[in-house]
Amino acid sequence: MEIKALTRQLHRGTAAQRLQMVEQFKRSGLTRIEFSRRHGIPLATLSWWLARAKRTANLPAPVVFNEVMFAPAAATPGNAWAVEVIAPSGLTVRCREPLCVRDLARLLRDTRC
């Protein structure tokens, strides 16, 4: 009876708990069948968790924008940038023409900032 209650609890558990169980499975070195038997988890449930974890891992990371406050600088004709983004890693992106948000997001997503 205790195993069934634990299994029901895992089914209704949080995504973090399910992810923890997936990580435990990966470290165990056991087959899906062996792991599911030892932990009282239905094989189909474990397989579903593994498939979901794999799908989630393949999603691109979202681009996060933060408001940046700046003081207006004196523009010089040779260095007039419409957009300048400096990432924490030091990567600098400068554009002479303004970019729409979609193009800027695509540029930042394709570049490891």
Protein backbone atom coordinates (compact mmCIF):
# COMPACT_ATOMS: atom_id res chain seq x y z
CA MET A 1 0.00 0.00 0.00
CA GLU A 2 2.83 2.42 0.78
CA ILE A 3 4.35 2.01 -2.68
CA LYS A 4 1.03 2.83 -4.35
CA ALA A 5 0.65 5.95 -2.22
CA LEU A 6 4.21 7.02 -3.10
CA THR A 7 3.56 6.39 -6.79
CA ARG A 8 0.37 8.46 -6.68
CA GLN A 9 2.26 11.22 -4.89
CA LEU A 10 4.97 11.22 -7.58
CA HIS A 11 2.34 11.35 -10.33
CA ARG A 12 0.90 14.44 -8.67
CA GLY A 13 4.28 15.79 -7.60
CA THR A 14 5.87 18.93 -8.88
CA ALA A 15 7.87 19.14 -12.07
CA ALA A 16 11.00 19.55 -9.92
CA GLN A 17 10.30 16.26 -8.15
CA ARG A 18 9.79 14.45 -11.45
CA LEU A 19 12.98 15.98 -12.84
CA GLN A 20 14.83 14.84 -9.72
CA MET A 21 13.58 11.29 -10.31
CA VAL A 22 14.69 11.47 -13.97
CA GLU A 23 18.16 12.60 -12.88
CA GLN A 24 18.27 9.80 -10.31
CA PHE A 25 17.40 7.31 -13.06
CA LYS A 26 20.16 8.64 -15.33
CA ARG A 27 22.75 8.30 -12.55
CA SER A 28 21.55 4.86 -11.48
CA GLY A 29 22.86 2.92 -14.48
CA LEU A 30 19.73 0.74 -14.29
CA THR A 31 17.40 -0.12 -17.13
CA ARG A 32 13.99 1.53 -17.16
CA ILE A 33 12.37 -1.73 -16.07
CA GLU A 34 14.77 -2.26 -13.15
CA PHE A 35 14.49 1.34 -11.99
CA SER A 36 10.70 1.40 -12.20
CA ARG A 37 10.44 -1.85 -10.21
CA ARG A 38 12.84 -0.67 -7.48
CA HIS A 39 11.05 2.65 -7.06
CA GLY A 40 7.49 1.46 -7.59
CA ILE A 41 6.94 3.67 -10.62
CA PRO A 42 4.99 2.31 -13.58
CA LEU A 43 7.26 1.83 -16.58
CA ALA A 44 4.99 3.95 -18.78
CA THR A 45 5.16 6.81 -16.27
CA LEU A 46 8.96 6.73 -16.14
CA SER A 47 9.12 6.65 -19.94
CA TRP A 48 6.75 9.62 -20.14
CA TRP A 49 8.89 11.59 -17.64
CA LEU A 50 12.05 10.81 -19.63
CA ALA A 51 10.47 11.87 -22.94
CA ARG A 52 9.14 15.08 -21.40
CA ALA A 53 12.52 15.91 -19.84
CA LYS A 54 14.21 15.39 -23.21
CA ARG A 55 11.71 17.65 -25.00
CA THR A 56 12.12 20.34 -22.37
CA ALA A 57 15.92 20.18 -22.54
CA ASN A 58 15.81 20.84 -26.31
CA LEU A 59 13.84 24.10 -26.02
CA PRO A 60 15.83 27.26 -26.75
CA ALA A 61 16.50 29.49 -23.79
CA PRO A 62 14.29 32.57 -23.79
CA VAL A 63 15.87 35.94 -24.46
CA VAL A 64 15.48 38.25 -21.50
CA PHE A 65 15.44 41.99 -21.96
CA ASN A 66 16.28 44.41 -19.16
CA GLU A 67 15.67 48.12 -19.15
CA VAL A 68 18.92 50.02 -19.48
CA MET A 69 19.24 53.59 -18.25
CA PHE A 70 21.87 55.72 -19.93
CA ALA A 71 22.99 59.28 -20.20
CA PRO A 72 22.85 60.78 -23.67
CA ALA A 73 26.30 60.94 -25.17
CA ALA A 74 27.56 63.40 -27.67
CA ALA A 75 27.19 61.74 -31.05
CA THR A 76 30.10 61.93 -33.40
CA PRO A 77 29.55 61.22 -37.08
CA GLY A 78 32.12 58.41 -37.18
CA ASN A 79 30.77 56.57 -34.10
CA ALA A 80 27.03 57.13 -34.25
CA TRP A 81 25.52 53.75 -33.28
CA ALA A 82 21.75 53.37 -33.32
CA VAL A 83 22.01 50.26 -31.12
CA GLU A 84 24.82 49.04 -28.90
CA VAL A 85 24.42 45.96 -26.67
CA ILE A 86 27.22 44.82 -24.38
CA ALA A 87 26.73 41.38 -22.82
CA PRO A 88 28.16 40.41 -19.41
CA SER A 89 30.61 38.16 -21.28
CA GLY A 90 32.02 41.22 -23.07
CA LEU A 91 30.38 40.47 -26.43
CA THR A 92 29.45 43.79 -28.03
CA VAL A 93 26.83 44.17 -30.76
CA ARG A 94 26.69 47.53 -32.56
CA CYS A 95 24.30 48.51 -35.32
CA ARG A 96 24.20 51.71 -37.32
CA GLU A 97 20.52 51.20 -38.08
CA PRO A 98 17.82 50.54 -35.45
CA LEU A 99 16.69 46.93 -35.08
CA CYS A 100 13.19 45.76 -34.37
CA VAL A 101 12.78 43.69 -31.19
CA ARG A 102 12.27 40.46 -33.17
CA ASP A 103 15.56 40.88 -35.08
CA LEU A 104 17.46 41.81 -31.91
CA ALA A 105 16.03 38.76 -30.10
CA ARG A 106 17.06 36.49 -32.99
CA LEU A 107 20.57 37.96 -33.01
CA LEU A 108 20.99 37.51 -29.26
CA ARG A 109 19.50 34.00 -29.25
CA ASP A 110 21.85 32.82 -32.01
CA THR A 111 24.86 34.32 -30.24
CA ARG A 112 26.09 32.90 -26.95
CA CYS A 113 26.07 35.98 -24.76
